[in-house]
């Protein structure tokens, strides 16, 4: 799959309300673990790992979109030459 196709799929995924809701709900549940004074250190560690993983997934998706921007700029420069 080329960068344009991949970025288009990523944009569709990021715009999907179900996807956004799932990420938000999972993150919210993990944040609730941090705020719960009765949660154990293991629970907080697991919540931290989950929030970190979600952030890495979001960062990866954003990097694909950034790669497309760079690709488009390179293509534009080639056309202008």
Protein backbone atom coordinates (compact mmCIF):
# COMPACT_ATOMS: atom_id res chain seq x y z
CA UNK A 1 0.00 0.00 0.00
CA UNK A 2 1.45 3.37 -0.95
CA UNK A 3 1.60 6.36 1.38
CA UNK A 4 -1.41 8.10 -0.21
CA UNK A 5 -3.65 5.05 0.25
CA UNK A 6 -2.40 4.44 3.76
CA UNK A 7 -2.94 8.07 4.77
CA UNK A 8 -6.46 8.03 3.32
CA UNK A 9 -7.31 4.97 5.40
CA UNK A 10 -5.78 6.57 8.50
CA UNK A 11 -7.84 9.75 7.96
CA UNK A 12 -10.98 7.65 7.64
CA UNK A 13 -10.12 5.73 10.80
CA UNK A 14 -9.33 8.87 12.80
CA UNK A 15 -12.60 10.46 11.67
CA UNK A 16 -14.65 7.40 12.67
CA UNK A 17 -16.82 8.20 15.69
CA UNK A 18 -16.69 4.63 17.01
CA UNK A 19 -12.89 4.62 16.87
CA UNK A 20 -12.71 7.98 18.65
CA UNK A 21 -15.19 6.81 21.28
CA UNK A 22 -13.27 3.60 21.95
CA UNK A 23 -9.97 5.45 22.39
CA UNK A 24 -11.62 8.00 24.65
CA UNK A 25 -13.37 5.40 26.78
CA UNK A 26 -10.28 3.23 27.19
CA UNK A 27 -8.17 6.26 28.10
CA UNK A 28 -10.85 7.52 30.49
CA UNK A 29 -11.06 4.19 32.29
CA UNK A 30 -7.31 4.13 32.74
CA UNK A 31 -7.24 7.69 34.03
CA UNK A 32 -9.91 6.68 36.52
CA UNK A 33 -7.47 4.07 37.86
CA UNK A 34 -4.93 6.85 38.50
CA UNK A 35 -7.53 8.91 40.33
CA UNK A 36 -8.74 6.01 42.48
CA UNK A 37 -6.79 6.14 45.75
CA UNK A 38 -7.59 2.48 46.38
CA UNK A 39 -5.89 1.27 43.17
CA UNK A 40 -2.75 -0.77 43.64
CA UNK A 41 0.66 0.04 42.21
CA UNK A 42 0.23 -2.83 39.73
CA UNK A 43 -3.09 -1.39 38.58
CA UNK A 44 -1.56 2.06 38.15
CA UNK A 45 1.38 0.57 36.25
CA UNK A 46 -0.96 -1.31 33.93
CA UNK A 47 -3.08 1.82 33.41
CA UNK A 48 0.06 3.79 32.61
CA UNK A 49 1.14 1.15 30.08
CA UNK A 50 -2.26 1.22 28.39
CA UNK A 51 -2.34 5.02 28.18
CA UNK A 52 1.21 4.97 26.81
CA UNK A 53 0.23 2.39 24.19
CA UNK A 54 -2.77 4.46 23.10
CA UNK A 55 -0.53 7.51 22.77
CA UNK A 56 1.97 5.55 20.68
CA UNK A 57 -0.80 4.31 18.40
CA UNK A 58 -2.09 7.86 17.94
CA UNK A 59 1.45 9.12 17.31
CA UNK A 60 1.98 6.41 14.70
CA UNK A 61 -1.24 7.36 12.91
CA UNK A 62 -0.20 11.02 12.97
CA UNK A 63 3.24 10.10 11.58
CA UNK A 64 1.63 8.45 8.57
CA UNK A 65 -0.28 11.65 7.87
CA UNK A 66 2.93 13.66 8.27
CA UNK A 67 4.70 11.30 5.86
CA UNK A 68 2.00 12.01 3.30
CA UNK A 69 2.53 15.77 3.68
CA UNK A 70 6.25 15.31 3.10
CA UNK A 71 5.58 13.06 0.10
CA UNK A 72 3.19 15.63 -1.38
CA UNK A 73 5.73 18.43 -0.97
CA UNK A 74 8.43 16.35 -2.65
CA UNK A 75 6.08 15.55 -5.52
CA UNK A 76 5.23 19.24 -5.90
CA UNK A 77 8.92 20.17 -6.03
CA UNK A 78 9.51 17.55 -8.72
CA UNK A 79 6.64 18.95 -10.80
CA UNK A 80 7.98 22.49 -10.50
CA UNK A 81 11.42 21.52 -11.84
